[in-house]
Amino acid sequence: MFSISYGQSWLNDYQDILSKYVTSDGVKYKKLKAKGTAQLDQVIQAITSETPSGSDADKLAYYINAYNAWMIKTVVDHYPTDNLLANNSKLFDEKRIKVDGKQMSFNDLEHGIIRERYKEARIHFVVNCGAESCPPISKTAFTGTNLYDELHKQTVNFINSKQGVDQKGESLNVSKLFEWYAKDFKAASPNGTVLGYIKKYKKLSGNPALSFQEYSWQINED
């Protein structure tokens, strides 16, 4: 039984979904759709009506879970598909999801709530946009109790993977996330630079130049 540190009874169901369908290589969308989405639909319904409470960690955990669960549902609802953006360029702007009783877009949730309220750069390594280049979705549902340990673990794992930071001789070819959200990483860096942020989690010598990888919007399917 999954340990719940605050009042979200749906977390057991959400953890069960993650355990069954999420791997280190992506999400088993085909299997999830074939098995039926009743459990996922129940999780989404609970997220829709849940009012987050407790500590800031509890609330942030709720919002991250909400984003990821809604994204899994969105991919499953459109499956089979290779690329969500190919068929809907406004996917992240449309007010297609409901969280805390409020209709909103994925961008509203990520940028207007998660980034704006909590000022936590590590969220970029756990909020999952359903794309191949996005950091892998965690197999662990977030709670106020495990949140900061999971943020640290996922950040270390991503920055020390070629998907996050690929060392090419004396330069670094890094995830596009470090360009898109440079402001967040600079604010959390010891010296106000993206490279300084990366060095918090990866052993590097000198000051290698950064280049940015192409971002693949193919779905993150296992």
N, C-alpha and C. Protein backbone atom coordinates (compact mmCIF):
# COMPACT_ATOMS: atom_id res chain seq x y z
N MET A 1 0.84 -1.20 0.00
CA MET A 1 0.00 0.00 0.00
C MET A 1 0.87 1.24 0.00
N PHE A 2 0.58 2.16 -0.91
CA PHE A 2 1.35 3.40 -1.00
C PHE A 2 1.07 4.27 0.21
N SER A 3 2.11 4.85 0.78
CA SER A 3 1.97 5.69 1.97
C SER A 3 1.56 7.10 1.59
N ILE A 4 0.41 7.53 2.05
CA ILE A 4 -0.12 8.86 1.75
C ILE A 4 0.12 9.77 2.93
N SER A 5 0.77 10.90 2.68
CA SER A 5 1.11 11.81 3.77
C SER A 5 0.11 12.94 3.92
N TYR A 6 -0.84 13.02 3.00
CA TYR A 6 -1.89 14.02 3.12
C TYR A 6 -3.14 13.48 2.45
N GLY A 7 -4.24 14.25 2.44
CA GLY A 7 -5.55 13.68 2.24
C GLY A 7 -5.99 13.32 0.85
N GLN A 8 -5.12 12.79 0.02
CA GLN A 8 -5.49 12.44 -1.34
C GLN A 8 -5.61 10.93 -1.48
N SER A 9 -6.80 10.40 -1.31
CA SER A 9 -6.99 8.96 -1.33
C SER A 9 -6.74 8.37 -2.72
N TRP A 10 -6.80 9.20 -3.76
CA TRP A 10 -6.58 8.72 -5.12
C TRP A 10 -5.11 8.40 -5.40
N LEU A 11 -4.21 8.77 -4.51
CA LEU A 11 -2.79 8.53 -4.76
C LEU A 11 -2.45 7.04 -4.86
N ASN A 12 -3.19 6.21 -4.15
CA ASN A 12 -2.95 4.77 -4.27
C ASN A 12 -3.22 4.29 -5.69
N ASP A 13 -4.32 4.76 -6.28
CA ASP A 13 -4.65 4.39 -7.65
C ASP A 13 -3.63 4.95 -8.63
N TYR A 14 -3.22 6.18 -8.41
CA TYR A 14 -2.24 6.80 -9.29
C TYR A 14 -0.91 6.06 -9.22
N GLN A 15 -0.48 5.71 -8.00
CA GLN A 15 0.76 4.95 -7.85
C GLN A 15 0.65 3.59 -8.55
N ASP A 16 -0.50 2.97 -8.48
CA ASP A 16 -0.71 1.69 -9.15
C ASP A 16 -0.55 1.83 -10.66
N ILE A 17 -1.08 2.91 -11.23
CA ILE A 17 -0.94 3.17 -12.66
C ILE A 17 0.53 3.36 -13.03
N LEU A 18 1.23 4.17 -12.25
CA LEU A 18 2.66 4.40 -12.52
C LEU A 18 3.44 3.09 -12.44
N SER A 19 3.15 2.28 -11.44
CA SER A 19 3.88 1.03 -11.26
C SER A 19 3.66 0.06 -12.42
N LYS A 20 2.44 0.06 -12.97
CA LYS A 20 2.09 -0.88 -14.03
C LYS A 20 2.55 -0.42 -15.42
N TYR A 21 2.53 0.87 -15.66
CA TYR A 21 2.67 1.34 -17.04
C TYR A 21 3.86 2.26 -17.32
N VAL A 22 4.58 2.69 -16.30
CA VAL A 22 5.72 3.57 -16.52
C VAL A 22 7.01 2.78 -16.32
N THR A 23 7.92 2.91 -17.29
CA THR A 23 9.23 2.27 -17.20
C THR A 23 10.31 3.34 -17.42
N SER A 24 11.54 2.93 -17.33
CA SER A 24 12.64 3.88 -17.56
C SER A 24 12.70 4.31 -19.02
N ASP A 25 12.02 3.58 -19.90
CA ASP A 25 12.02 3.90 -21.33
C ASP A 25 10.77 4.66 -21.78
N GLY A 26 9.84 4.89 -20.87
CA GLY A 26 8.65 5.63 -21.25
C GLY A 26 7.38 5.04 -20.65
N VAL A 27 6.26 5.34 -21.29
CA VAL A 27 4.96 4.91 -20.79
C VAL A 27 4.35 3.90 -21.75
N LYS A 28 3.78 2.84 -21.21
CA LYS A 28 3.15 1.80 -22.03
C LYS A 28 1.71 2.24 -22.36
N TYR A 29 1.59 3.24 -23.24
CA TYR A 29 0.28 3.79 -23.57
C TYR A 29 -0.64 2.77 -24.23
N LYS A 30 -0.08 1.97 -25.12
CA LYS A 30 -0.88 0.96 -25.82
C LYS A 30 -1.49 -0.02 -24.84
N LYS A 31 -0.69 -0.51 -23.91
CA LYS A 31 -1.16 -1.46 -22.91
C LYS A 31 -2.20 -0.81 -21.99
N LEU A 32 -1.95 0.44 -21.59
CA LEU A 32 -2.87 1.14 -20.71
C LEU A 32 -4.23 1.31 -21.38
N LYS A 33 -4.22 1.71 -22.65
CA LYS A 33 -5.48 1.90 -23.35
C LYS A 33 -6.21 0.57 -23.54
N ALA A 34 -5.45 -0.48 -23.84
CA ALA A 34 -6.05 -1.79 -24.07
C ALA A 34 -6.67 -2.35 -22.79
N LYS A 35 -6.05 -2.08 -21.64
CA LYS A 35 -6.55 -2.58 -20.36
C LYS A 35 -7.76 -1.80 -19.87
N GLY A 36 -7.96 -0.61 -20.44
CA GLY A 36 -9.06 0.24 -20.01
C GLY A 36 -8.60 1.35 -19.09
N THR A 37 -9.29 2.48 -19.12
CA THR A 37 -8.84 3.67 -18.41
C THR A 37 -9.70 4.03 -17.21
N ALA A 38 -10.49 3.08 -16.71
CA ALA A 38 -11.39 3.39 -15.59
C ALA A 38 -10.62 3.91 -14.37
N GLN A 39 -9.52 3.26 -14.06
CA GLN A 39 -8.73 3.67 -12.90
C GLN A 39 -8.14 5.07 -13.11
N LEU A 40 -7.59 5.30 -14.31
CA LEU A 40 -7.03 6.61 -14.63
C LEU A 40 -8.12 7.68 -14.61
N ASP A 41 -9.29 7.35 -15.13
CA ASP A 41 -10.40 8.31 -15.13
C ASP A 41 -10.81 8.68 -13.70
N GLN A 42 -10.76 7.71 -12.80
CA GLN A 42 -11.09 7.99 -11.39
C GLN A 42 -10.05 8.93 -10.78
N VAL A 43 -8.78 8.74 -11.12
CA VAL A 43 -7.72 9.62 -10.63
C VAL A 43 -7.95 11.04 -11.14
N ILE A 44 -8.25 11.15 -12.42
CA ILE A 44 -8.49 12.47 -13.02
C ILE A 44 -9.69 13.15 -12.38
N GLN A 45 -10.74 12.41 -12.14
CA GLN A 45 -11.93 12.98 -11.50
C GLN A 45 -11.60 13.50 -10.11
N ALA A 46 -10.79 12.75 -9.38
CA ALA A 46 -10.40 13.18 -8.03
C ALA A 46 -9.54 14.44 -8.09
N ILE A 47 -8.61 14.49 -9.03
CA ILE A 47 -7.76 15.67 -9.20
C ILE A 47 -8.61 16.89 -9.54
N THR A 48 -9.62 16.67 -10.36
CA THR A 48 -10.50 17.75 -10.79
C THR A 48 -11.18 18.45 -9.61
N SER A 49 -11.59 17.65 -8.64
CA SER A 49 -12.37 18.21 -7.52
C SER A 49 -11.56 18.43 -6.25
N GLU A 50 -10.34 17.91 -6.20
CA GLU A 50 -9.51 18.02 -4.99
C GLU A 50 -9.05 19.46 -4.78
N THR A 51 -9.12 19.93 -3.54
CA THR A 51 -8.54 21.21 -3.17
C THR A 51 -7.25 20.93 -2.41
N PRO A 52 -6.11 21.31 -2.95
CA PRO A 52 -4.85 20.99 -2.27
C PRO A 52 -4.75 21.70 -0.93
N SER A 53 -4.22 21.02 0.05
CA SER A 53 -4.10 21.59 1.39
C SER A 53 -2.78 21.11 1.99
N GLY A 54 -2.50 21.61 3.19
CA GLY A 54 -1.28 21.20 3.88
C GLY A 54 -0.14 22.16 3.60
N SER A 55 1.07 21.64 3.64
CA SER A 55 2.27 22.44 3.46
C SER A 55 2.47 22.80 1.99
N ASP A 56 3.43 23.68 1.72
CA ASP A 56 3.78 23.99 0.34
C ASP A 56 4.24 22.74 -0.40
N ALA A 57 4.95 21.86 0.30
CA ALA A 57 5.40 20.61 -0.32
C ALA A 57 4.21 19.74 -0.71
N ASP A 58 3.21 19.66 0.16
CA ASP A 58 2.00 18.91 -0.15
C ASP A 58 1.32 19.46 -1.40
N LYS A 59 1.20 20.77 -1.46
CA LYS A 59 0.50 21.41 -2.57
C LYS A 59 1.28 21.26 -3.87
N LEU A 60 2.58 21.46 -3.81
CA LEU A 60 3.39 21.32 -5.02
C LEU A 60 3.34 19.88 -5.52
N ALA A 61 3.39 18.92 -4.62
CA ALA A 61 3.29 17.50 -5.01
C ALA A 61 1.97 17.25 -5.73
N TYR A 62 0.88 17.82 -5.19
CA TYR A 62 -0.44 17.67 -5.82
C TYR A 62 -0.41 18.22 -7.25
N TYR A 63 0.13 19.41 -7.43
CA TYR A 63 0.11 20.03 -8.76
C TYR A 63 0.97 19.27 -9.76
N ILE A 64 2.12 18.75 -9.32
CA ILE A 64 2.96 17.96 -10.22
C ILE A 64 2.25 16.68 -10.62
N ASN A 65 1.67 15.98 -9.64
CA ASN A 65 0.90 14.77 -9.95
C ASN A 65 -0.24 15.09 -10.90
N ALA A 66 -0.92 16.22 -10.68
CA ALA A 66 -2.05 16.61 -11.52
C ALA A 66 -1.59 16.80 -12.97
N TYR A 67 -0.49 17.51 -13.15
CA TYR A 67 0.02 17.74 -14.51
C TYR A 67 0.34 16.42 -15.19
N ASN A 68 1.09 15.57 -14.51
CA ASN A 68 1.53 14.32 -15.13
C ASN A 68 0.37 13.37 -15.40
N ALA A 69 -0.58 13.28 -14.47
CA ALA A 69 -1.73 12.40 -14.68
C ALA A 69 -2.58 12.89 -15.85
N TRP A 70 -2.80 14.20 -15.91
CA TRP A 70 -3.57 14.76 -17.03
C TRP A 70 -2.85 14.54 -18.36
N MET A 71 -1.51 14.63 -18.35
CA MET A 71 -0.77 14.41 -19.60
C MET A 71 -0.86 12.95 -20.04
N ILE A 72 -0.75 12.02 -19.10
CA ILE A 72 -0.92 10.60 -19.46
C ILE A 72 -2.30 10.39 -20.08
N LYS A 73 -3.33 10.97 -19.46
CA LYS A 73 -4.69 10.83 -19.99
C LYS A 73 -4.81 11.44 -21.39
N THR A 74 -4.18 12.58 -21.60
CA THR A 74 -4.25 13.25 -22.89
C THR A 74 -3.63 12.39 -23.98
N VAL A 75 -2.47 11.80 -23.70
CA VAL A 75 -1.84 10.93 -24.70
C VAL A 75 -2.70 9.71 -24.96
N VAL A 76 -3.22 9.08 -23.89
CA VAL A 76 -4.06 7.89 -24.05
C VAL A 76 -5.32 8.21 -24.85
N ASP A 77 -5.93 9.37 -24.57
CA ASP A 77 -7.15 9.75 -25.29
C ASP A 77 -6.89 9.94 -26.79
N HIS A 78 -5.67 10.34 -27.16
CA HIS A 78 -5.33 10.56 -28.57
C HIS A 78 -4.64 9.36 -29.20
N TYR A 79 -4.37 8.34 -28.41
CA TYR A 79 -3.62 7.18 -28.89
C TYR A 79 -4.48 6.34 -29.85
N PRO A 80 -3.93 5.82 -30.96
CA PRO A 80 -2.51 5.87 -31.32
C PRO A 80 -2.13 7.19 -31.99
N THR A 81 -1.04 7.75 -31.52
CA THR A 81 -0.46 8.95 -32.11
C THR A 81 1.04 8.92 -31.86
N ASP A 82 1.80 9.50 -32.75
CA ASP A 82 3.25 9.58 -32.56
C ASP A 82 3.67 10.91 -31.95
N ASN A 83 2.85 11.94 -32.19
CA ASN A 83 3.25 13.29 -31.82
C ASN A 83 2.00 14.12 -31.54
N LEU A 84 1.78 14.48 -30.28
CA LEU A 84 0.58 15.22 -29.91
C LEU A 84 0.53 16.60 -30.58
N LEU A 85 1.68 17.26 -30.67
CA LEU A 85 1.71 18.60 -31.24
C LEU A 85 1.47 18.61 -32.74
N ALA A 86 1.75 17.50 -33.41
CA ALA A 86 1.56 17.44 -34.86
C ALA A 86 0.10 17.64 -35.22
N ASN A 87 -0.80 17.19 -34.36
CA ASN A 87 -2.23 17.30 -34.62
C ASN A 87 -2.89 18.45 -33.88
N ASN A 88 -2.17 19.04 -32.93
CA ASN A 88 -2.76 20.13 -32.14
C ASN A 88 -1.66 21.04 -31.62
N SER A 89 -1.35 22.06 -32.40
CA SER A 89 -0.25 22.96 -32.03
C SER A 89 -0.56 23.78 -30.79
N LYS A 90 -1.83 23.85 -30.41
CA LYS A 90 -2.23 24.63 -29.24
C LYS A 90 -2.53 23.75 -28.03
N LEU A 91 -1.98 22.55 -28.05
CA LEU A 91 -2.24 21.58 -26.98
C LEU A 91 -2.01 22.17 -25.59
N PHE A 92 -0.93 22.90 -25.42
CA PHE A 92 -0.58 23.40 -24.09
C PHE A 92 -1.29 24.70 -23.73
N ASP A 93 -1.92 25.33 -24.72
CA ASP A 93 -2.59 26.60 -24.47
C ASP A 93 -4.10 26.47 -24.24
N GLU A 94 -4.68 25.40 -24.75
CA GLU A 94 -6.13 25.23 -24.62
C GLU A 94 -6.49 24.87 -23.18
N LYS A 95 -7.60 25.43 -22.70
CA LYS A 95 -8.05 25.15 -21.34
C LYS A 95 -8.82 23.82 -21.35
N ARG A 96 -8.04 22.74 -21.44
CA ARG A 96 -8.59 21.40 -21.65
C ARG A 96 -8.55 20.55 -20.38
N ILE A 97 -7.95 21.05 -19.30
CA ILE A 97 -7.85 20.25 -18.08
C ILE A 97 -8.50 20.99 -16.92
N LYS A 98 -8.83 20.24 -15.87
CA LYS A 98 -9.45 20.83 -14.69
C LYS A 98 -8.70 20.37 -13.45
N VAL A 99 -8.23 21.32 -12.66
CA VAL A 99 -7.43 21.05 -11.47
C VAL A 99 -7.92 21.96 -10.35
N ASP A 100 -8.11 21.39 -9.16
CA ASP A 100 -8.58 22.19 -8.03
C ASP A 100 -9.89 22.91 -8.39
N GLY A 101 -10.74 22.23 -9.15
CA GLY A 101 -12.04 22.77 -9.51
C GLY A 101 -12.00 23.87 -10.55
N LYS A 102 -10.84 24.14 -11.13
CA LYS A 102 -10.69 25.26 -12.07
C LYS A 102 -10.30 24.74 -13.45
N GLN A 103 -10.98 25.25 -14.47
CA GLN A 103 -10.62 24.92 -15.84
C GLN A 103 -9.36 25.70 -16.21
N MET A 104 -8.40 25.02 -16.81
CA MET A 104 -7.14 25.68 -17.14
C MET A 104 -6.42 24.92 -18.25
N SER A 105 -5.33 25.50 -18.71
CA SER A 105 -4.48 24.84 -19.71
C SER A 105 -3.27 24.23 -19.01
N PHE A 106 -2.55 23.40 -19.75
CA PHE A 106 -1.29 22.87 -19.21
C PHE A 106 -0.32 24.02 -18.90
N ASN A 107 -0.30 25.03 -19.75
CA ASN A 107 0.58 26.17 -19.50
C ASN A 107 0.15 26.96 -18.27
N ASP A 108 -1.16 27.10 -18.05
CA ASP A 108 -1.63 27.75 -16.84
C ASP A 108 -1.11 27.03 -15.60
N LEU A 109 -1.20 25.69 -15.63
CA LEU A 109 -0.80 24.90 -14.48
C LEU A 109 0.72 24.96 -14.28
N GLU A 110 1.48 24.79 -15.35
CA GLU A 110 2.94 24.77 -15.20
C GLU A 110 3.51 26.15 -14.89
N HIS A 111 3.14 27.13 -15.70
CA HIS A 111 3.78 28.44 -15.58
C HIS A 111 3.08 29.38 -14.61
N GLY A 112 1.74 29.31 -14.58
CA GLY A 112 1.00 30.21 -13.71
C GLY A 112 0.91 29.76 -12.26
N ILE A 113 1.02 28.44 -12.04
CA ILE A 113 0.93 27.91 -10.67
C ILE A 113 2.26 27.32 -10.22
N ILE A 114 2.70 26.26 -10.86
CA ILE A 114 3.88 25.53 -10.38
C ILE A 114 5.13 26.41 -10.36
N ARG A 115 5.44 27.03 -11.48
CA ARG A 115 6.65 27.87 -11.53
C ARG A 115 6.48 29.17 -10.76
N GLU A 116 5.34 29.80 -10.93
CA GLU A 116 5.13 31.12 -10.35
C GLU A 116 5.06 31.08 -8.83
N ARG A 117 4.38 30.11 -8.29
CA ARG A 117 4.18 30.07 -6.83
C ARG A 117 5.36 29.47 -6.07
N TYR A 118 6.03 28.50 -6.66
CA TYR A 118 6.97 27.71 -5.85
C TYR A 118 8.45 27.97 -6.16
N LYS A 119 8.75 28.62 -7.27
CA LYS A 119 10.13 29.05 -7.55
C LYS A 119 11.13 27.91 -7.32
N GLU A 120 10.85 26.77 -7.88
CA GLU A 120 11.67 25.57 -7.68
C GLU A 120 12.13 25.06 -9.05
N ALA A 121 13.40 25.32 -9.38
CA ALA A 121 13.91 24.98 -10.71
C ALA A 121 13.86 23.48 -11.00
N ARG A 122 13.94 22.67 -9.97
CA ARG A 122 13.99 21.22 -10.19
C ARG A 122 12.68 20.65 -10.72
N ILE A 123 11.61 21.44 -10.70
CA ILE A 123 10.34 20.93 -11.23
C ILE A 123 10.45 20.60 -12.71
N HIS A 124 11.40 21.22 -13.41
CA HIS A 124 11.55 20.97 -14.84
C HIS A 124 12.00 19.54 -15.14
N PHE A 125 12.45 18.83 -14.11
CA PHE A 125 12.90 17.46 -14.30
C PHE A 125 11.87 16.44 -13.81
N VAL A 126 10.71 16.92 -13.39
CA VAL A 126 9.65 16.00 -12.94
C VAL A 126 8.31 16.28 -13.61
N VAL A 127 8.07 17.50 -14.09
CA VAL A 127 6.85 17.80 -14.83
C VAL A 127 7.02 17.23 -16.24
N ASN A 128 6.15 16.33 -16.63
CA ASN A 128 6.36 15.56 -17.86
C ASN A 128 5.35 15.95 -18.94
N CYS A 129 5.87 16.39 -20.09
CA CYS A 129 5.01 16.90 -21.17
C CYS A 129 4.63 15.82 -22.19
N GLY A 130 4.93 14.57 -21.89
CA GLY A 130 4.54 13.48 -22.78
C GLY A 130 5.41 13.33 -24.02
N ALA A 131 6.55 14.03 -24.05
CA ALA A 131 7.42 14.00 -25.22
C ALA A 131 8.69 13.20 -24.96
N GLU A 132 9.28 12.74 -26.03
CA GLU A 132 10.48 11.90 -25.96
C GLU A 132 11.66 12.63 -25.30
N SER A 133 11.78 13.94 -25.53
CA SER A 133 12.90 14.70 -24.97
C SER A 133 12.64 15.21 -23.57
N CYS A 134 11.44 15.02 -23.07
CA CYS A 134 11.13 15.45 -21.71
C CYS A 134 11.79 14.48 -20.73
N PRO A 135 12.27 14.98 -19.58
CA PRO A 135 12.82 14.07 -18.58
C PRO A 135 11.82 12.95 -18.27
N PRO A 136 12.31 11.74 -18.04
CA PRO A 136 11.41 10.60 -17.81
C PRO A 136 10.44 10.85 -16.67
N ILE A 137 9.21 10.39 -16.86
CA ILE A 137 8.22 10.51 -15.79
C ILE A 137 8.63 9.59 -14.64
N SER A 138 8.49 10.08 -13.44
CA SER A 138 8.86 9.29 -12.26
C SER A 138 7.87 8.14 -12.07
N LYS A 139 8.38 7.01 -11.63
CA LYS A 139 7.52 5.88 -11.29
C LYS A 139 6.92 6.02 -9.91
N THR A 140 7.28 7.11 -9.23
CA THR A 140 6.79 7.34 -7.87
C THR A 140 5.87 8.55 -7.84
N ALA A 141 4.67 8.37 -7.31
CA ALA A 141 3.76 9.51 -7.12
C ALA A 141 4.35 10.42 -6.04
N PHE A 142 4.19 11.72 -6.22
CA PHE A 142 4.78 12.66 -5.29
C PHE A 142 3.86 12.95 -4.11
N THR A 143 4.47 13.08 -2.93
CA THR A 143 3.76 13.49 -1.73
C THR A 143 4.60 14.58 -1.06
N GLY A 144 4.02 15.25 -0.09
CA GLY A 144 4.78 16.23 0.65
C GLY A 144 5.98 15.61 1.34
N THR A 145 5.87 14.35 1.70
CA THR A 145 6.94 13.66 2.41
C THR A 145 8.12 13.32 1.51
N ASN A 146 7.85 12.85 0.29
CA ASN A 146 8.96 12.41 -0.57
C ASN A 146 9.37 13.45 -1.61
N LEU A 147 8.66 14.57 -1.69
CA LEU A 147 8.85 15.51 -2.79
C LEU A 147 10.29 15.94 -2.99
N TYR A 148 10.93 16.46 -1.96
CA TYR A 148 12.25 17.05 -2.15
C TYR A 148 13.32 15.99 -2.43
N ASP A 149 13.17 14.81 -1.85
CA ASP A 149 14.08 13.72 -2.18
C ASP A 149 13.92 13.32 -3.65
N GLU A 150 12.67 13.27 -4.12
CA GLU A 150 12.42 12.89 -5.51
C GLU A 150 12.90 13.97 -6.47
N LEU A 151 12.70 15.23 -6.12
CA LEU A 151 13.19 16.33 -6.96
C LEU A 151 14.71 16.23 -7.12
N HIS A 152 15.40 15.97 -6.01
CA HIS A 152 16.85 15.85 -6.07
C HIS A 152 17.27 14.65 -6.92
N LYS A 153 16.64 13.52 -6.70
CA LYS A 153 17.00 12.30 -7.42
C LYS A 153 16.77 12.46 -8.93
N GLN A 154 15.61 12.98 -9.30
CA GLN A 154 15.30 13.12 -10.72
C GLN A 154 16.21 14.14 -11.39
N THR A 155 16.58 15.20 -10.66
CA THR A 155 17.49 16.21 -11.21
C THR A 155 18.87 15.63 -11.45
N VAL A 156 19.40 14.92 -10.45
CA VAL A 156 20.72 14.28 -10.59
C VAL A 156 20.71 13.29 -11.76
N ASN A 157 19.68 12.47 -11.84
CA ASN A 157 19.61 11.46 -12.89
C ASN A 157 19.58 12.09 -14.28
N PHE A 158 18.78 13.15 -14.44
CA PHE A 158 18.65 13.75 -15.77
C PHE A 158 19.92 14.48 -16.18
N ILE A 159 20.47 15.28 -15.28
CA ILE A 159 21.65 16.05 -15.62
C ILE A 159 22.85 15.14 -15.88
N ASN A 160 22.86 13.96 -15.29
CA ASN A 160 23.95 13.01 -15.51
C ASN A 160 23.63 11.98 -16.59
N SER A 161 22.62 12.27 -17.40
CA SER A 161 22.31 11.43 -18.56
C SER A 161 22.63 12.21 -19.83
N LYS A 162 22.86 11.52 -20.93
CA LYS A 162 23.15 12.19 -22.20
C LYS A 162 21.94 12.98 -22.69
N GLN A 163 20.76 12.54 -22.28
CA GLN A 163 19.54 13.27 -22.64
C GLN A 163 19.53 14.66 -22.00
N GLY A 164 20.16 14.78 -20.83
CA GLY A 164 20.19 16.05 -20.13
C GLY A 164 21.42 16.86 -20.45
N VAL A 165 22.60 16.25 -20.24
CA VAL A 165 23.87 16.94 -20.47
C VAL A 165 24.83 15.95 -21.13
N ASP A 166 25.10 16.17 -22.41
CA ASP A 166 25.97 15.28 -23.17
C ASP A 166 27.30 16.00 -23.41
N GLN A 167 28.36 15.47 -22.82
CA GLN A 167 29.65 16.12 -22.95
C GLN A 167 30.28 15.75 -24.29
N LYS A 168 30.60 16.78 -25.08
CA LYS A 168 31.20 16.60 -26.41
C LYS A 168 32.56 17.30 -26.40
N GLY A 169 33.59 16.57 -26.04
CA GLY A 169 34.91 17.18 -25.96
C GLY A 169 34.94 18.24 -24.88
N GLU A 170 35.21 19.48 -25.28
CA GLU A 170 35.28 20.57 -24.32
C GLU A 170 33.99 21.39 -24.25
N SER A 171 32.92 20.88 -24.85
CA SER A 171 31.63 21.57 -24.81
C SER A 171 30.55 20.63 -24.31
N LEU A 172 29.42 21.20 -23.97
CA LEU A 172 28.28 20.43 -23.48
C LEU A 172 27.09 20.65 -24.40
N ASN A 173 26.52 19.55 -24.86
CA ASN A 173 25.28 19.61 -25.64
C ASN A 173 24.14 19.25 -24.69
N VAL A 174 23.36 20.25 -24.30
CA VAL A 174 22.42 20.06 -23.19
C VAL A 174 20.97 20.14 -23.66
N SER A 175 20.08 19.65 -22.81
CA SER A 175 18.65 19.68 -23.09
C SER A 175 18.18 21.10 -23.37
N LYS A 176 17.24 21.21 -24.28
CA LYS A 176 16.63 22.50 -24.63
C LYS A 176 15.98 23.16 -23.41
N LEU A 177 15.66 22.36 -22.40
CA LEU A 177 15.07 22.91 -21.17
C LEU A 177 15.97 23.98 -20.57
N PHE A 178 17.28 23.81 -20.70
CA PHE A 178 18.21 24.77 -20.10
C PHE A 178 18.22 26.10 -20.85
N GLU A 179 17.75 26.08 -22.08
CA GLU A 179 17.60 27.34 -22.84
C GLU A 179 16.22 27.96 -22.56
N TRP A 180 15.18 27.13 -22.64
CA TRP A 180 13.83 27.64 -22.44
C TRP A 180 13.63 28.24 -21.04
N TYR A 181 14.20 27.58 -20.04
CA TYR A 181 13.98 28.00 -18.65
C TYR A 181 15.26 28.49 -17.99
N ALA A 182 16.11 29.13 -18.81
CA ALA A 182 17.38 29.64 -18.29
C ALA A 182 17.18 30.55 -17.09
N LYS A 183 16.12 31.35 -17.10
CA LYS A 183 15.85 32.27 -15.98
C LYS A 183 15.73 31.51 -14.67
N ASP A 184 15.01 30.39 -14.68
CA ASP A 184 14.81 29.60 -13.46
C ASP A 184 16.14 29.00 -12.97
N PHE A 185 16.92 28.48 -13.91
CA PHE A 185 18.18 27.84 -13.53
C PHE A 185 19.21 28.86 -13.06
N LYS A 186 19.24 30.01 -13.68
CA LYS A 186 20.16 31.06 -13.24
C LYS A 186 19.82 31.53 -11.83
N ALA A 187 18.51 31.62 -11.54
CA ALA A 187 18.09 32.07 -10.21
C ALA A 187 18.49 31.08 -9.12
N ALA A 188 18.64 29.80 -9.49
CA ALA A 188 18.98 28.76 -8.51
C ALA A 188 20.46 28.36 -8.59
N SER A 189 21.24 29.11 -9.36
CA SER A 189 22.66 28.79 -9.56
C SER A 189 23.54 29.55 -8.58
N PRO A 190 24.63 28.96 -8.12
CA PRO A 190 25.54 29.66 -7.20
C PRO A 190 26.15 30.92 -7.80
N ASN A 191 26.32 30.92 -9.13
CA ASN A 191 26.95 32.09 -9.75
C ASN A 191 26.06 32.76 -10.81
N GLY A 192 24.77 32.41 -10.81
CA GLY A 192 23.84 33.06 -11.72
C GLY A 192 23.94 32.64 -13.16
N THR A 193 24.51 31.46 -13.43
CA THR A 193 24.62 30.96 -14.80
C THR A 193 24.00 29.58 -14.91
N VAL A 194 23.61 29.22 -16.13
CA VAL A 194 23.08 27.87 -16.37
C VAL A 194 24.16 26.83 -16.10
N LEU A 195 25.39 27.11 -16.54
CA LEU A 195 26.48 26.17 -16.29
C LEU A 195 26.70 25.99 -14.79
N GLY A 196 26.61 27.05 -14.04
CA GLY A 196 26.75 26.95 -12.59
C GLY A 196 25.70 26.05 -11.99
N TYR A 197 24.49 26.10 -12.53
CA TYR A 197 23.43 25.21 -12.04
C TYR A 197 23.77 23.76 -12.36
N ILE A 198 24.19 23.51 -13.58
CA ILE A 198 24.54 22.15 -13.98
C ILE A 198 25.65 21.59 -13.10
N LYS A 199 26.61 22.43 -12.76
CA LYS A 199 27.73 21.99 -11.93
C LYS A 199 27.32 21.63 -10.51
N LYS A 200 26.16 22.07 -10.06
CA LYS A 200 25.67 21.66 -8.74
C LYS A 200 25.41 20.16 -8.70
N TYR A 201 25.13 19.57 -9.88
CA TYR A 201 24.69 18.18 -9.92
C TYR A 201 25.59 17.27 -10.77
N LYS A 202 26.56 17.86 -11.46
CA LYS A 202 27.44 17.07 -12.32
C LYS A 202 28.87 17.59 -12.17
N LYS A 203 29.81 16.67 -12.00
CA LYS A 203 31.22 17.07 -11.85
C LYS A 203 31.78 17.49 -13.20
N LEU A 204 32.18 18.75 -13.29
CA LEU A 204 32.73 19.29 -14.52
C LEU A 204 33.91 20.18 -14.16
N SER A 205 34.89 20.23 -15.04
CA SER A 205 36.02 21.13 -14.84
C SER A 205 35.98 22.22 -15.90
N GLY A 206 36.52 23.37 -15.56
CA GLY A 206 36.56 24.47 -16.50
C GLY A 206 35.20 25.07 -16.76
N ASN A 207 35.10 25.78 -17.87
CA ASN A 207 33.84 26.44 -18.24
C ASN A 207 33.46 26.09 -19.67
N PRO A 208 33.03 24.87 -19.88
CA PRO A 208 32.70 24.44 -21.24
C PRO A 208 31.54 25.25 -21.83
N ALA A 209 31.58 25.45 -23.13
CA ALA A 209 30.50 26.15 -23.83
C ALA A 209 29.28 25.23 -23.92
N LEU A 210 28.09 25.86 -23.96
CA LEU A 210 26.85 25.10 -24.04
C LEU A 210 26.25 25.22 -25.44
N SER A 211 25.77 24.10 -25.95
CA SER A 211 24.91 24.10 -27.13
C SER A 211 23.65 23.33 -26.74
N PHE A 212 22.58 23.49 -27.52
CA PHE A 212 21.30 22.94 -27.11
C PHE A 212 20.79 21.90 -28.09
N GLN A 213 20.36 20.78 -27.53
CA GLN A 213 19.87 19.67 -28.34
C GLN A 213 18.54 20.03 -29.01
N GLU A 214 18.26 19.39 -30.14
CA GLU A 214 16.94 19.48 -30.73
C GLU A 214 15.95 18.78 -29.80
N TYR A 215 14.74 19.29 -29.73
CA TYR A 215 13.73 18.72 -28.84
C TYR A 215 12.77 17.85 -29.64
N SER A 216 12.69 16.60 -29.28
CA SER A 216 11.78 15.68 -29.97
C SER A 216 10.41 15.68 -29.29
N TRP A 217 9.37 15.96 -30.09
CA TRP A 217 8.01 15.94 -29.57
C TRP A 217 7.31 14.61 -29.85
N GLN A 218 8.06 13.61 -30.31
CA GLN A 218 7.49 12.27 -30.39
C GLN A 218 7.07 11.85 -28.98
N ILE A 219 5.98 11.11 -28.87
CA ILE A 219 5.51 10.74 -27.54
C ILE A 219 6.52 9.82 -26.84
N ASN A 220 6.54 9.91 -25.52
CA ASN A 220 7.49 9.13 -24.70
C ASN A 220 6.94 7.73 -24.44
N GLU A 221 6.82 6.96 -25.51
CA GLU A 221 6.21 5.63 -25.40
C GLU A 221 7.27 4.56 -25.26
N ASP A 222 6.99 3.62 -24.35
CA ASP A 222 7.83 2.43 -24.22
C ASP A 222 7.26 1.38 -25.16
